[in-house]
Amino acid sequence: MALDVIEHLAKEDGLRLMRAMEKISRRKVIFFTPSGFLPQCHLEKNDLQEHLSGWEVAEMKQHGYQVIGMLGPKALRGEFHNLKWRPKFFLGWREHAWTLSLDAMGSPKSSRHTLYQDKG
């Protein structure tokens, strides 16, 4: 299981990670990553927060992964999961809960994050 990891690697390194995990896995390989490329920069020098690659739904399906969209529509969020705008009719924790509760499973391409699981 690699949660929010693969996007911090160059594409070729991410593919190597994928193959290595598939080789040693007993059951399933799971990746949780932004849907497509999501620009993200460093917060501090050498903090490894920068996104170096993006992983598309169609690409992961070609590698044999099942896809589940998560965390609501990506159009609502920017870097570091920050909301791009805040609905005035929600306050505090409710605005966060609202974006998480949106059903993105039917449209993983437009979801903020995607969960990729191999058929293992």
PDB file of N, CA and C in Angstrom:
ATOM      1  N   MET A   1       0.844  -1.173   0.000  1.00  0.00           N
ATOM      2  CA  MET A   1       0.000   0.000   0.000  1.00  0.00           C
ATOM      3  C   MET A   1       0.894   1.243   0.000  1.00  0.00           C
ATOM      4  N   ALA A   2       0.625   2.132  -0.937  1.00  0.00           N
ATOM      5  CA  ALA A   2       1.372   3.387  -1.035  1.00  0.00           C
ATOM      6  C   ALA A   2       0.357   4.530  -1.054  1.00  0.00           C
ATOM      7  N   LEU A   3       0.260   5.242   0.051  1.00  0.00           N
ATOM      8  CA  LEU A   3      -0.697   6.330   0.193  1.00  0.00           C
ATOM      9  C   LEU A   3      -0.007   7.665  -0.004  1.00  0.00           C
ATOM     10  N   ASP A   4      -0.427   8.412  -1.044  1.00  0.00           N
ATOM     11  CA  ASP A   4       0.144   9.719  -1.362  1.00  0.00           C
ATOM     12  C   ASP A   4       1.668   9.668  -1.478  1.00  0.00           C
ATOM     13  N   VAL A   5       2.161   8.689  -2.230  1.00  0.00           N
ATOM     14  CA  VAL A   5       3.598   8.510  -2.420  1.00  0.00           C
ATOM     15  C   VAL A   5       3.991   8.616  -3.894  1.00  0.00           C
ATOM     16  N   ILE A   6       3.305   7.880  -4.758  1.00  0.00           N
ATOM     17  CA  ILE A   6       3.744   7.698  -6.140  1.00  0.00           C
ATOM     18  C   ILE A   6       3.835   9.012  -6.920  1.00  0.00           C
ATOM     19  N   GLU A   7       3.007   9.990  -6.574  1.00  0.00           N
ATOM     20  CA  GLU A   7       3.028  11.274  -7.282  1.00  0.00           C
ATOM     21  C   GLU A   7       4.278  12.098  -6.958  1.00  0.00           C
ATOM     22  N   HIS A   8       5.008  11.720  -5.921  1.00  0.00           N
ATOM     23  CA  HIS A   8       6.234  12.424  -5.550  1.00  0.00           C
ATOM     24  C   HIS A   8       7.467  11.851  -6.261  1.00  0.00           C
ATOM     25  N   LEU A   9       7.240  10.844  -7.101  1.00  0.00           N
ATOM     26  CA  LEU A   9       8.314  10.220  -7.861  1.00  0.00           C
ATOM     27  C   LEU A   9       8.199  10.608  -9.325  1.00  0.00           C
ATOM     28  N   ALA A  10       9.314  10.619 -10.029  1.00  0.00           N
ATOM     29  CA  ALA A  10       9.283  10.786 -11.482  1.00  0.00           C
ATOM     30  C   ALA A  10       8.511   9.596 -12.054  1.00  0.00           C
ATOM     31  N   LYS A  11       7.916   9.751 -13.219  1.00  0.00           N
ATOM     32  CA  LYS A  11       7.064   8.714 -13.800  1.00  0.00           C
ATOM     33  C   LYS A  11       7.769   7.365 -13.875  1.00  0.00           C
ATOM     34  N   GLU A  12       8.989   7.338 -14.387  1.00  0.00           N
ATOM     35  CA  GLU A  12       9.717   6.069 -14.520  1.00  0.00           C
ATOM     36  C   GLU A  12       9.969   5.425 -13.155  1.00  0.00           C
ATOM     37  N   ASP A  13      10.297   6.229 -12.142  1.00  0.00           N
ATOM     38  CA  ASP A  13      10.491   5.693 -10.793  1.00  0.00           C
ATOM     39  C   ASP A  13       9.176   5.168 -10.223  1.00  0.00           C
ATOM     40  N   GLY A  14       8.081   5.853 -10.518  1.00  0.00           N
ATOM     41  CA  GLY A  14       6.767   5.379 -10.077  1.00  0.00           C
ATOM     42  C   GLY A  14       6.402   4.046 -10.700  1.00  0.00           C
ATOM     43  N   LEU A  15       6.732   3.886 -11.992  1.00  0.00           N
ATOM     44  CA  LEU A  15       6.468   2.605 -12.669  1.00  0.00           C
ATOM     45  C   LEU A  15       7.330   1.490 -12.074  1.00  0.00           C
ATOM     46  N   ARG A  16       8.563   1.820 -11.711  1.00  0.00           N
ATOM     47  CA  ARG A  16       9.427   0.827 -11.053  1.00  0.00           C
ATOM     48  C   ARG A  16       8.855   0.439  -9.696  1.00  0.00           C
ATOM     49  N   LEU A  17       8.365   1.427  -8.939  1.00  0.00           N
ATOM     50  CA  LEU A  17       7.738   1.144  -7.647  1.00  0.00           C
ATOM     51  C   LEU A  17       6.533   0.226  -7.846  1.00  0.00           C
ATOM     52  N   MET A  18       5.713   0.527  -8.840  1.00  0.00           N
ATOM     53  CA  MET A  18       4.531  -0.278  -9.120  1.00  0.00           C
ATOM     54  C   MET A  18       4.921  -1.736  -9.405  1.00  0.00           C
ATOM     55  N   ARG A  19       5.900  -1.933 -10.277  1.00  0.00           N
ATOM     56  CA  ARG A  19       6.334  -3.299 -10.614  1.00  0.00           C
ATOM     57  C   ARG A  19       6.912  -4.017  -9.386  1.00  0.00           C
ATOM     58  N   ALA A  20       7.697  -3.308  -8.590  1.00  0.00           N
ATOM     59  CA  ALA A  20       8.296  -3.925  -7.401  1.00  0.00           C
ATOM     60  C   ALA A  20       7.219  -4.333  -6.394  1.00  0.00           C
ATOM     61  N   MET A  21       6.220  -3.454  -6.196  1.00  0.00           N
ATOM     62  CA  MET A  21       5.144  -3.790  -5.255  1.00  0.00           C
ATOM     63  C   MET A  21       4.324  -4.977  -5.766  1.00  0.00           C
ATOM     64  N   GLU A  22       4.074  -5.021  -7.061  1.00  0.00           N
ATOM     65  CA  GLU A  22       3.315  -6.133  -7.636  1.00  0.00           C
ATOM     66  C   GLU A  22       4.090  -7.446  -7.491  1.00  0.00           C
ATOM     67  N   LYS A  23       5.401  -7.369  -7.606  1.00  0.00           N
ATOM     68  CA  LYS A  23       6.236  -8.567  -7.516  1.00  0.00           C
ATOM     69  C   LYS A  23       6.249  -9.157  -6.104  1.00  0.00           C
ATOM     70  N   ILE A  24       6.282  -8.319  -5.080  1.00  0.00           N
ATOM     71  CA  ILE A  24       6.402  -8.823  -3.707  1.00  0.00           C
ATOM     72  C   ILE A  24       5.060  -8.952  -2.980  1.00  0.00           C
ATOM     73  N   SER A  25       3.990  -8.449  -3.583  1.00  0.00           N
ATOM     74  CA  SER A  25       2.686  -8.480  -2.922  1.00  0.00           C
ATOM     75  C   SER A  25       2.138  -9.900  -2.816  1.00  0.00           C
ATOM     76  N   ARG A  26       1.558 -10.204  -1.654  1.00  0.00           N
ATOM     77  CA  ARG A  26       0.902 -11.496  -1.469  1.00  0.00           C
ATOM     78  C   ARG A  26      -0.535 -11.463  -1.951  1.00  0.00           C
ATOM     79  N   ARG A  27      -1.179 -10.291  -1.850  1.00  0.00           N
ATOM     80  CA  ARG A  27      -2.587 -10.203  -2.222  1.00  0.00           C
ATOM     81  C   ARG A  27      -2.856  -9.069  -3.192  1.00  0.00           C
ATOM     82  N   LYS A  28      -2.840  -7.859  -2.706  1.00  0.00           N
ATOM     83  CA  LYS A  28      -3.206  -6.701  -3.522  1.00  0.00           C
ATOM     84  C   LYS A  28      -2.166  -5.602  -3.400  1.00  0.00           C
ATOM     85  N   VAL A  29      -2.118  -4.770  -4.424  1.00  0.00           N
ATOM     86  CA  VAL A  29      -1.312  -3.553  -4.408  1.00  0.00           C
ATOM     87  C   VAL A  29      -2.301  -2.393  -4.471  1.00  0.00           C
ATOM     88  N   ILE A  30      -2.130  -1.432  -3.583  1.00  0.00           N
ATOM     89  CA  ILE A  30      -3.051  -0.293  -3.519  1.00  0.00           C
ATOM     90  C   ILE A  30      -2.244   0.997  -3.573  1.00  0.00           C
ATOM     91  N   PHE A  31      -2.680   1.898  -4.462  1.00  0.00           N
ATOM     92  CA  PHE A  31      -2.116   3.244  -4.554  1.00  0.00           C
ATOM     93  C   PHE A  31      -3.229   4.235  -4.288  1.00  0.00           C
ATOM     94  N   PHE A  32      -2.946   5.258  -3.499  1.00  0.00           N
ATOM     95  CA  PHE A  32      -3.864   6.366  -3.270  1.00  0.00           C
ATOM     96  C   PHE A  32      -3.106   7.612  -3.694  1.00  0.00           C
ATOM     97  N   THR A  33      -3.619   8.301  -4.713  1.00  0.00           N
ATOM     98  CA  THR A  33      -2.881   9.419  -5.296  1.00  0.00           C
ATOM     99  C   THR A  33      -3.855  10.399  -5.936  1.00  0.00           C
ATOM    100  N   PRO A  34      -3.458  11.644  -6.146  1.00  0.00           N
ATOM    101  CA  PRO A  34      -4.348  12.564  -6.864  1.00  0.00           C
ATOM    102  C   PRO A  34      -4.728  11.997  -8.228  1.00  0.00           C
ATOM    103  N   SER A  35      -5.898  12.338  -8.672  1.00  0.00           N
ATOM    104  CA  SER A  35      -6.380  11.920  -9.986  1.00  0.00           C
ATOM    105  C   SER A  35      -5.760  12.827 -11.045  1.00  0.00           C
ATOM    106  N   GLY A  36      -4.864  12.278 -11.863  1.00  0.00           N
ATOM    107  CA  GLY A  36      -4.136  13.089 -12.831  1.00  0.00           C
ATOM    108  C   GLY A  36      -3.027  13.874 -12.148  1.00  0.00           C
ATOM    109  N   PHE A  37      -2.407  14.792 -12.887  1.00  0.00           N
ATOM    110  CA  PHE A  37      -1.333  15.589 -12.295  1.00  0.00           C
ATOM    111  C   PHE A  37      -1.922  16.753 -11.512  1.00  0.00           C
ATOM    112  N   LEU A  38      -1.511  16.890 -10.276  1.00  0.00           N
ATOM    113  CA  LEU A  38      -1.923  17.994  -9.417  1.00  0.00           C
ATOM    114  C   LEU A  38      -0.657  18.744  -9.001  1.00  0.00           C
ATOM    115  N   PRO A  39      -0.442  19.942  -9.541  1.00  0.00           N
ATOM    116  CA  PRO A  39       0.769  20.682  -9.171  1.00  0.00           C
ATOM    117  C   PRO A  39       0.831  20.923  -7.660  1.00  0.00           C
ATOM    118  N   GLN A  40       1.989  20.680  -7.110  1.00  0.00           N
ATOM    119  CA  GLN A  40       2.214  20.960  -5.688  1.00  0.00           C
ATOM    120  C   GLN A  40       3.696  21.248  -5.510  1.00  0.00           C
ATOM    121  N   CYS A  41       4.000  22.335  -4.836  1.00  0.00           N
ATOM    122  CA  CYS A  41       5.390  22.748  -4.666  1.00  0.00           C
ATOM    123  C   CYS A  41       5.885  22.387  -3.266  1.00  0.00           C
ATOM    124  N   HIS A  42       7.131  22.731  -3.019  1.00  0.00           N
ATOM    125  CA  HIS A  42       7.732  22.519  -1.695  1.00  0.00           C
ATOM    126  C   HIS A  42       7.177  23.526  -0.694  1.00  0.00           C
ATOM    127  N   LEU A  43       7.034  23.111   0.551  1.00  0.00           N
ATOM    128  CA  LEU A  43       6.739  24.041   1.636  1.00  0.00           C
ATOM    129  C   LEU A  43       8.048  24.575   2.214  1.00  0.00           C
ATOM    130  N   GLU A  44       9.031  23.708   2.293  1.00  0.00           N
ATOM    131  CA  GLU A  44      10.361  24.060   2.783  1.00  0.00           C
ATOM    132  C   GLU A  44      11.386  23.403   1.873  1.00  0.00           C
ATOM    133  N   LYS A  45      12.605  23.898   1.887  1.00  0.00           N
ATOM    134  CA  LYS A  45      13.654  23.316   1.064  1.00  0.00           C
ATOM    135  C   LYS A  45      13.857  21.842   1.446  1.00  0.00           C
ATOM    136  N   ASN A  46      13.932  20.981   0.441  1.00  0.00           N
ATOM    137  CA  ASN A  46      14.181  19.543   0.626  1.00  0.00           C
ATOM    138  C   ASN A  46      13.104  18.814   1.417  1.00  0.00           C
ATOM    139  N   ASP A  47      11.853  19.262   1.365  1.00  0.00           N
ATOM    140  CA  ASP A  47      10.799  18.584   2.132  1.00  0.00           C
ATOM    141  C   ASP A  47      10.096  17.470   1.356  1.00  0.00           C
ATOM    142  N   LEU A  48      10.420  17.288   0.087  1.00  0.00           N
ATOM    143  CA  LEU A  48       9.888  16.214  -0.748  1.00  0.00           C
ATOM    144  C   LEU A  48       8.379  16.298  -0.986  1.00  0.00           C
ATOM    145  N   GLN A  49       7.797  17.475  -0.831  1.00  0.00           N
ATOM    146  CA  GLN A  49       6.363  17.645  -1.047  1.00  0.00           C
ATOM    147  C   GLN A  49       5.992  17.856  -2.514  1.00  0.00           C
ATOM    148  N   GLU A  50       6.950  18.176  -3.354  1.00  0.00           N
ATOM    149  CA  GLU A  50       6.660  18.485  -4.752  1.00  0.00           C
ATOM    150  C   GLU A  50       6.127  17.253  -5.489  1.00  0.00           C
ATOM    151  N   HIS A  51       5.107  17.475  -6.303  1.00  0.00           N
ATOM    152  CA  HIS A  51       4.583  16.406  -7.154  1.00  0.00           C
ATOM    153  C   HIS A  51       5.377  16.385  -8.460  1.00  0.00           C
ATOM    154  N   LEU A  52       5.894  15.211  -8.800  1.00  0.00           N
ATOM    155  CA  LEU A  52       6.717  15.057  -9.996  1.00  0.00           C
ATOM    156  C   LEU A  52       6.002  14.304 -11.108  1.00  0.00           C
ATOM    157  N   SER A  53       4.883  13.673 -10.795  1.00  0.00           N
ATOM    158  CA  SER A  53       4.150  12.911 -11.809  1.00  0.00           C
ATOM    159  C   SER A  53       2.663  12.904 -11.491  1.00  0.00           C
ATOM    160  N   GLY A  54       1.892  12.554 -12.495  1.00  0.00           N
ATOM    161  CA  GLY A  54       0.449  12.399 -12.341  1.00  0.00           C
ATOM    162  C   GLY A  54       0.040  11.045 -12.879  1.00  0.00           C
ATOM    163  N   TRP A  55      -1.013  10.486 -12.318  1.00  0.00           N
ATOM    164  CA  TRP A  55      -1.444   9.143 -12.656  1.00  0.00           C
ATOM    165  C   TRP A  55      -2.903   9.190 -13.068  1.00  0.00           C
ATOM    166  N   GLU A  56      -3.150   8.971 -14.358  1.00  0.00           N
ATOM    167  CA  GLU A  56      -4.492   9.067 -14.928  1.00  0.00           C
ATOM    168  C   GLU A  56      -5.265   7.765 -14.754  1.00  0.00           C
ATOM    169  N   VAL A  57      -6.580   7.888 -14.684  1.00  0.00           N
ATOM    170  CA  VAL A  57      -7.465   6.738 -14.514  1.00  0.00           C
ATOM    171  C   VAL A  57      -7.241   5.720 -15.635  1.00  0.00           C
ATOM    172  N   ALA A  58      -7.267   6.162 -16.899  1.00  0.00           N
ATOM    173  CA  ALA A  58      -7.113   5.244 -18.032  1.00  0.00           C
ATOM    174  C   ALA A  58      -5.758   4.533 -17.998  1.00  0.00           C
ATOM    175  N   GLU A  59      -4.731   5.265 -17.615  1.00  0.00           N
ATOM    176  CA  GLU A  59      -3.384   4.696 -17.535  1.00  0.00           C
ATOM    177  C   GLU A  59      -3.335   3.572 -16.501  1.00  0.00           C
ATOM    178  N   MET A  60      -3.925   3.800 -15.343  1.00  0.00           N
ATOM    179  CA  MET A  60      -3.894   2.790 -14.284  1.00  0.00           C
ATOM    180  C   MET A  60      -4.769   1.588 -14.644  1.00  0.00           C
ATOM    181  N   LYS A  61      -5.860   1.834 -15.338  1.00  0.00           N
ATOM    182  CA  LYS A  61      -6.691   0.712 -15.798  1.00  0.00           C
ATOM    183  C   LYS A  61      -5.908  -0.157 -16.781  1.00  0.00           C
ATOM    184  N   GLN A  62      -5.088   0.456 -17.619  1.00  0.00           N
ATOM    185  CA  GLN A  62      -4.254  -0.303 -18.562  1.00  0.00           C
ATOM    186  C   GLN A  62      -3.258  -1.200 -17.832  1.00  0.00           C
ATOM    187  N   HIS A  63      -2.856  -0.779 -16.638  1.00  0.00           N
ATOM    188  CA  HIS A  63      -1.936  -1.581 -15.828  1.00  0.00           C
ATOM    189  C   HIS A  63      -2.681  -2.644 -15.024  1.00  0.00           C
ATOM    190  N   GLY A  64      -4.016  -2.711 -15.185  1.00  0.00           N
ATOM    191  CA  GLY A  64      -4.806  -3.746 -14.520  1.00  0.00           C
ATOM    192  C   GLY A  64      -5.389  -3.349 -13.176  1.00  0.00           C
ATOM    193  N   TYR A  65      -5.422  -2.059 -12.878  1.00  0.00           N
ATOM    194  CA  TYR A  65      -5.936  -1.598 -11.585  1.00  0.00           C
ATOM    195  C   TYR A  65      -7.403  -1.241 -11.654  1.00  0.00           C
ATOM    196  N   GLN A  66      -8.131  -1.557 -10.591  1.00  0.00           N
ATOM    197  CA  GLN A  66      -9.502  -1.097 -10.415  1.00  0.00           C
ATOM    198  C   GLN A  66      -9.409   0.311  -9.842  1.00  0.00           C
ATOM    199  N   VAL A  67     -10.362   1.178 -10.183  1.00  0.00           N
ATOM    200  CA  VAL A  67     -10.280   2.590  -9.808  1.00  0.00           C
ATOM    201  C   VAL A  67     -11.505   3.015  -9.020  1.00  0.00           C
ATOM    202  N   ILE A  68     -11.273   3.714  -7.917  1.00  0.00           N
ATOM    203  CA  ILE A  68     -12.355   4.286  -7.112  1.00  0.00           C
ATOM    204  C   ILE A  68     -12.043   5.761  -6.899  1.00  0.00           C
ATOM    205  N   GLY A  69     -12.964   6.647  -7.263  1.00  0.00           N
ATOM    206  CA  GLY A  69     -12.786   8.080  -7.033  1.00  0.00           C
ATOM    207  C   GLY A  69     -13.081   8.418  -5.579  1.00  0.00           C
ATOM    208  N   MET A  70     -12.305   9.346  -5.013  1.00  0.00           N
ATOM    209  CA  MET A  70     -12.459   9.698  -3.598  1.00  0.00           C
ATOM    210  C   MET A  70     -12.224  11.193  -3.367  1.00  0.00           C
ATOM    211  N   LEU A  71     -12.671  11.681  -2.243  1.00  0.00           N
ATOM    212  CA  LEU A  71     -12.459  13.038  -1.741  1.00  0.00           C
ATOM    213  C   LEU A  71     -13.160  14.121  -2.552  1.00  0.00           C
ATOM    214  N   GLY A  72     -14.229  13.778  -3.241  1.00  0.00           N
ATOM    215  CA  GLY A  72     -15.024  14.773  -3.942  1.00  0.00           C
ATOM    216  C   GLY A  72     -14.361  15.296  -5.207  1.00  0.00           C
ATOM    217  N   PRO A  73     -15.032  16.214  -5.891  1.00  0.00           N
ATOM    218  CA  PRO A  73     -14.517  16.742  -7.165  1.00  0.00           C
ATOM    219  C   PRO A  73     -13.206  17.501  -7.007  1.00  0.00           C
ATOM    220  N   LYS A  74     -12.247  17.224  -7.898  1.00  0.00           N
ATOM    221  CA  LYS A  74     -10.950  17.897  -7.804  1.00  0.00           C
ATOM    222  C   LYS A  74     -11.042  19.378  -8.130  1.00  0.00           C
ATOM    223  N   ALA A  75     -12.085  19.793  -8.828  1.00  0.00           N
ATOM    224  CA  ALA A  75     -12.241  21.209  -9.168  1.00  0.00           C
ATOM    225  C   ALA A  75     -12.414  22.080  -7.927  1.00  0.00           C
ATOM    226  N   LEU A  76     -12.792  21.487  -6.789  1.00  0.00           N
ATOM    227  CA  LEU A  76     -13.015  22.254  -5.560  1.00  0.00           C
ATOM    228  C   LEU A  76     -11.747  22.503  -4.757  1.00  0.00           C
ATOM    229  N   ARG A  77     -10.660  21.789  -5.077  1.00  0.00           N
ATOM    230  CA  ARG A  77      -9.475  21.869  -4.232  1.00  0.00           C
ATOM    231  C   ARG A  77      -8.224  22.239  -5.014  1.00  0.00           C
ATOM    232  N   GLY A  78      -7.271  22.843  -4.301  1.00  0.00           N
ATOM    233  CA  GLY A  78      -5.991  23.218  -4.879  1.00  0.00           C
ATOM    234  C   GLY A  78      -4.855  22.492  -4.180  1.00  0.00           C
ATOM    235  N   GLU A  79      -3.698  23.142  -4.117  1.00  0.00           N
ATOM    236  CA  GLU A  79      -2.536  22.534  -3.475  1.00  0.00           C
ATOM    237  C   GLU A  79      -2.833  22.188  -2.022  1.00  0.00           C
ATOM    238  N   PHE A  80      -2.236  21.085  -1.570  1.00  0.00           N
ATOM    239  CA  PHE A  80      -2.325  20.634  -0.183  1.00  0.00           C
ATOM    240  C   PHE A  80      -3.775  20.452   0.272  1.00  0.00           C
ATOM    241  N   HIS A  81      -4.661  20.103  -0.644  1.00  0.00           N
ATOM    242  CA  HIS A  81      -6.079  19.823  -0.366  1.00  0.00           C
ATOM    243  C   HIS A  81      -6.873  21.040   0.079  1.00  0.00           C
ATOM    244  N   ASN A  82      -6.340  22.228  -0.049  1.00  0.00           N
ATOM    245  CA  ASN A  82      -7.056  23.436   0.373  1.00  0.00           C
ATOM    246  C   ASN A  82      -8.241  23.693  -0.556  1.00  0.00           C
ATOM    247  N   LEU A  83      -9.360  24.098   0.044  1.00  0.00           N
ATOM    248  CA  LEU A  83     -10.527  24.456  -0.754  1.00  0.00           C
ATOM    249  C   LEU A  83     -10.233  25.706  -1.561  1.00  0.00           C
ATOM    250  N   LYS A  84     -10.641  25.709  -2.834  1.00  0.00           N
ATOM    251  CA  LYS A  84     -10.459  26.887  -3.682  1.00  0.00           C
ATOM    252  C   LYS A  84     -11.465  27.969  -3.316  1.00  0.00           C
ATOM    253  N   TRP A  85     -12.628  27.584  -2.848  1.00  0.00           N
ATOM    254  CA  TRP A  85     -13.656  28.530  -2.417  1.00  0.00           C
ATOM    255  C   TRP A  85     -14.444  27.871  -1.299  1.00  0.00           C
ATOM    256  N   ARG A  86     -15.045  28.676  -0.483  1.00  0.00           N
ATOM    257  CA  ARG A  86     -15.788  28.170   0.671  1.00  0.00           C
ATOM    258  C   ARG A  86     -17.255  28.572   0.559  1.00  0.00           C
ATOM    259  N   PRO A  87     -18.142  27.587   0.459  1.00  0.00           N
ATOM    260  CA  PRO A  87     -19.563  27.917   0.397  1.00  0.00           C
ATOM    261  C   PRO A  87     -19.994  28.675   1.647  1.00  0.00           C
ATOM    262  N   LYS A  88     -20.710  29.761   1.480  1.00  0.00           N
ATOM    263  CA  LYS A  88     -21.109  30.578   2.626  1.00  0.00           C
ATOM    264  C   LYS A  88     -22.119  29.881   3.521  1.00  0.00           C
ATOM    265  N   PHE A  89     -22.852  28.914   2.969  1.00  0.00           N
ATOM    266  CA  PHE A  89     -23.876  28.257   3.775  1.00  0.00           C
ATOM    267  C   PHE A  89     -23.319  27.125   4.629  1.00  0.00           C
ATOM    268  N   PHE A  90     -21.997  26.863   4.571  1.00  0.00           N
ATOM    269  CA  PHE A  90     -21.364  25.886   5.439  1.00  0.00           C
ATOM    270  C   PHE A  90     -20.307  26.591   6.277  1.00  0.00           C
ATOM    271  N   LEU A  91     -20.155  26.166   7.507  1.00  0.00           N
ATOM    272  CA  LEU A  91     -19.148  26.763   8.384  1.00  0.00           C
ATOM    273  C   LEU A  91     -18.291  25.672   9.007  1.00  0.00           C
ATOM    274  N   GLY A  92     -17.034  25.975   9.235  1.00  0.00           N
ATOM    275  CA  GLY A  92     -16.143  25.083   9.963  1.00  0.00           C
ATOM    276  C   GLY A  92     -16.033  23.695   9.369  1.00  0.00           C
ATOM    277  N   TRP A  93     -16.214  22.705  10.219  1.00  0.00           N
ATOM    278  CA  TRP A  93     -16.032  21.324   9.805  1.00  0.00           C
ATOM    279  C   TRP A  93     -17.021  20.905   8.738  1.00  0.00           C
ATOM    280  N   ARG A  94     -18.141  21.565   8.655  1.00  0.00           N
ATOM    281  CA  ARG A  94     -19.165  21.165   7.686  1.00  0.00           C
ATOM    282  C   ARG A  94     -18.694  21.329   6.246  1.00  0.00           C
ATOM    283  N   GLU A  95     -17.908  22.379   5.958  1.00  0.00           N
ATOM    284  CA  GLU A  95     -17.448  22.552   4.581  1.00  0.00           C
ATOM    285  C   GLU A  95     -16.508  21.421   4.180  1.00  0.00           C
ATOM    286  N   HIS A  96     -15.705  20.941   5.137  1.00  0.00           N
ATOM    287  CA  HIS A  96     -14.828  19.819   4.841  1.00  0.00           C
ATOM    288  C   HIS A  96     -15.657  18.550   4.653  1.00  0.00           C
ATOM    289  N   ALA A  97     -16.597  18.309   5.533  1.00  0.00           N
ATOM    290  CA  ALA A  97     -17.456  17.132   5.432  1.00  0.00           C
ATOM    291  C   ALA A  97     -18.255  17.150   4.136  1.00  0.00           C
ATOM    292  N   TRP A  98     -18.673  18.334   3.708  1.00  0.00           N
ATOM    293  CA  TRP A  98     -19.449  18.466   2.482  1.00  0.00           C
ATOM    294  C   TRP A  98     -18.652  17.979   1.278  1.00  0.00           C
ATOM    295  N   THR A  99     -17.396  18.373   1.169  1.00  0.00           N
ATOM    296  CA  THR A  99     -16.600  17.957   0.011  1.00  0.00           C
ATOM    297  C   THR A  99     -16.273  16.472   0.070  1.00  0.00           C
ATOM    298  N   LEU A 100     -16.093  15.931   1.269  1.00  0.00           N
ATOM    299  CA  LEU A 100     -15.806  14.507   1.379  1.00  0.00           C
ATOM    300  C   LEU A 100     -17.026  13.656   1.079  1.00  0.00           C
ATOM    301  N   SER A 101     -18.196  14.179   1.342  1.00  0.00           N
ATOM    302  CA  SER A 101     -19.405  13.392   1.173  1.00  0.00           C
ATOM    303  C   SER A 101     -19.901  13.363  -0.263  1.00  0.00           C
ATOM    304  N   LEU A 102     -19.379  14.226  -1.125  1.00  0.00           N
ATOM    305  CA  LEU A 102     -19.801  14.203  -2.523  1.00  0.00           C
ATOM    306  C   LEU A 102     -19.405  12.878  -3.153  1.00  0.00           C
ATOM    307  N   ASP A 103     -20.305  12.273  -3.882  1.00  0.00           N
ATOM    308  CA  ASP A 103     -20.040  10.969  -4.464  1.00  0.00           C
ATOM    309  C   ASP A 103     -19.183  11.113  -5.705  1.00  0.00           C
ATOM    310  N   ALA A 104     -17.914  10.769  -5.589  1.00  0.00           N
ATOM    311  CA  ALA A 104     -17.005  10.822  -6.732  1.00  0.00           C
ATOM    312  C   ALA A 104     -16.741   9.430  -7.286  1.00  0.00           C
ATOM    313  N   MET A 105     -17.288   8.414  -6.643  1.00  0.00           N
ATOM    314  CA  MET A 105     -16.996   7.046  -7.063  1.00  0.00           C
ATOM    315  C   MET A 105     -17.487   6.765  -8.480  1.00  0.00           C
ATOM    316  N   GLY A 106     -18.568   7.397  -8.901  1.00  0.00           N
ATOM    317  CA  GLY A 106     -19.088   7.178 -10.240  1.00  0.00           C
ATOM    318  C   GLY A 106     -18.279   7.892 -11.307  1.00  0.00           C
ATOM    319  N   SER A 107     -17.433   8.837 -10.922  1.00  0.00           N
ATOM    320  CA  SER A 107     -16.642   9.597 -11.888  1.00  0.00           C
ATOM    321  C   SER A 107     -15.233   9.810 -11.371  1.00  0.00           C
ATOM    322  N   PRO A 108     -14.409   8.761 -11.360  1.00  0.00           N
ATOM    323  CA  PRO A 108     -13.062   8.896 -10.800  1.00  0.00           C
ATOM    324  C   PRO A 108     -12.187   9.917 -11.511  1.00  0.00           C
ATOM    325  N   LYS A 109     -12.416  10.154 -12.811  1.00  0.00           N
ATOM    326  CA  LYS A 109     -11.592  11.126 -13.536  1.00  0.00           C
ATOM    327  C   LYS A 109     -11.733  12.526 -12.951  1.00  0.00           C
ATOM    328  N   SER A 110     -12.912  12.851 -12.434  1.00  0.00           N
ATOM    329  CA  SER A 110     -13.133  14.194 -11.899  1.00  0.00           C
ATOM    330  C   SER A 110     -12.990  14.247 -10.385  1.00  0.00           C
ATOM    331  N   SER A 111     -12.628  13.135  -9.764  1.00  0.00           N
ATOM    332  CA  SER A 111     -12.477  13.137  -8.302  1.00  0.00           C
ATOM    333  C   SER A 111     -11.122  13.703  -7.905  1.00  0.00           C
ATOM    334  N   ARG A 112     -11.014  14.177  -6.688  1.00  0.00           N
ATOM    335  CA  ARG A 112      -9.796  14.784  -6.162  1.00  0.00           C
ATOM    336  C   ARG A 112      -8.672  13.762  -6.074  1.00  0.00           C
ATOM    337  N   HIS A 113      -8.959  12.620  -5.521  1.00  0.00           N
ATOM    338  CA  HIS A 113      -7.990  11.539  -5.374  1.00  0.00           C
ATOM    339  C   HIS A 113      -8.609  10.264  -5.934  1.00  0.00           C
ATOM    340  N   THR A 114      -7.760   9.323  -6.242  1.00  0.00           N
ATOM    341  CA  THR A 114      -8.243   8.035  -6.684  1.00  0.00           C
ATOM    342  C   THR A 114      -7.523   6.937  -5.937  1.00  0.00           C
ATOM    343  N   LEU A 115      -8.238   5.870  -5.700  1.00  0.00           N
ATOM    344  CA  LEU A 115      -7.691   4.680  -5.076  1.00  0.00           C
ATOM    345  C   LEU A 115      -7.547   3.639  -6.171  1.00  0.00           C
ATOM    346  N   TYR A 116      -6.342   3.159  -6.392  1.00  0.00           N
ATOM    347  CA  TYR A 116      -6.075   2.160  -7.423  1.00  0.00           C
ATOM    348  C   TYR A 116      -5.735   0.853  -6.733  1.00  0.00           C
ATOM    349  N   GLN A 117      -6.451  -0.190  -7.111  1.00  0.00           N
ATOM    350  CA  GLN A 117      -6.238  -1.495  -6.505  1.00  0.00           C
ATOM    351  C   GLN A 117      -6.062  -2.523  -7.617  1.00  0.00           C
ATOM    352  N   ASP A 118      -4.995  -3.305  -7.544  1.00  0.00           N
ATOM    353  CA  ASP A 118      -4.815  -4.311  -8.597  1.00  0.00           C
ATOM    354  C   ASP A 118      -5.769  -5.464  -8.358  1.00  0.00           C
ATOM    355  N   LYS A 119      -5.919  -6.302  -9.342  1.00  0.00           N
ATOM    356  CA  LYS A 119      -6.889  -7.393  -9.261  1.00  0.00           C
ATOM    357  C   LYS A 119      -6.457  -8.507  -8.314  1.00  0.00           C
ATOM    358  N   GLY A 120      -5.164  -8.530  -7.964  1.00  0.00           N
ATOM    359  CA  GLY A 120      -4.565  -9.500  -7.067  1.00  0.00           C
ATOM    360  C   GLY A 120      -5.473 -10.281  -6.310  1.00  0.00           C
TER     361      GLY A 120
END
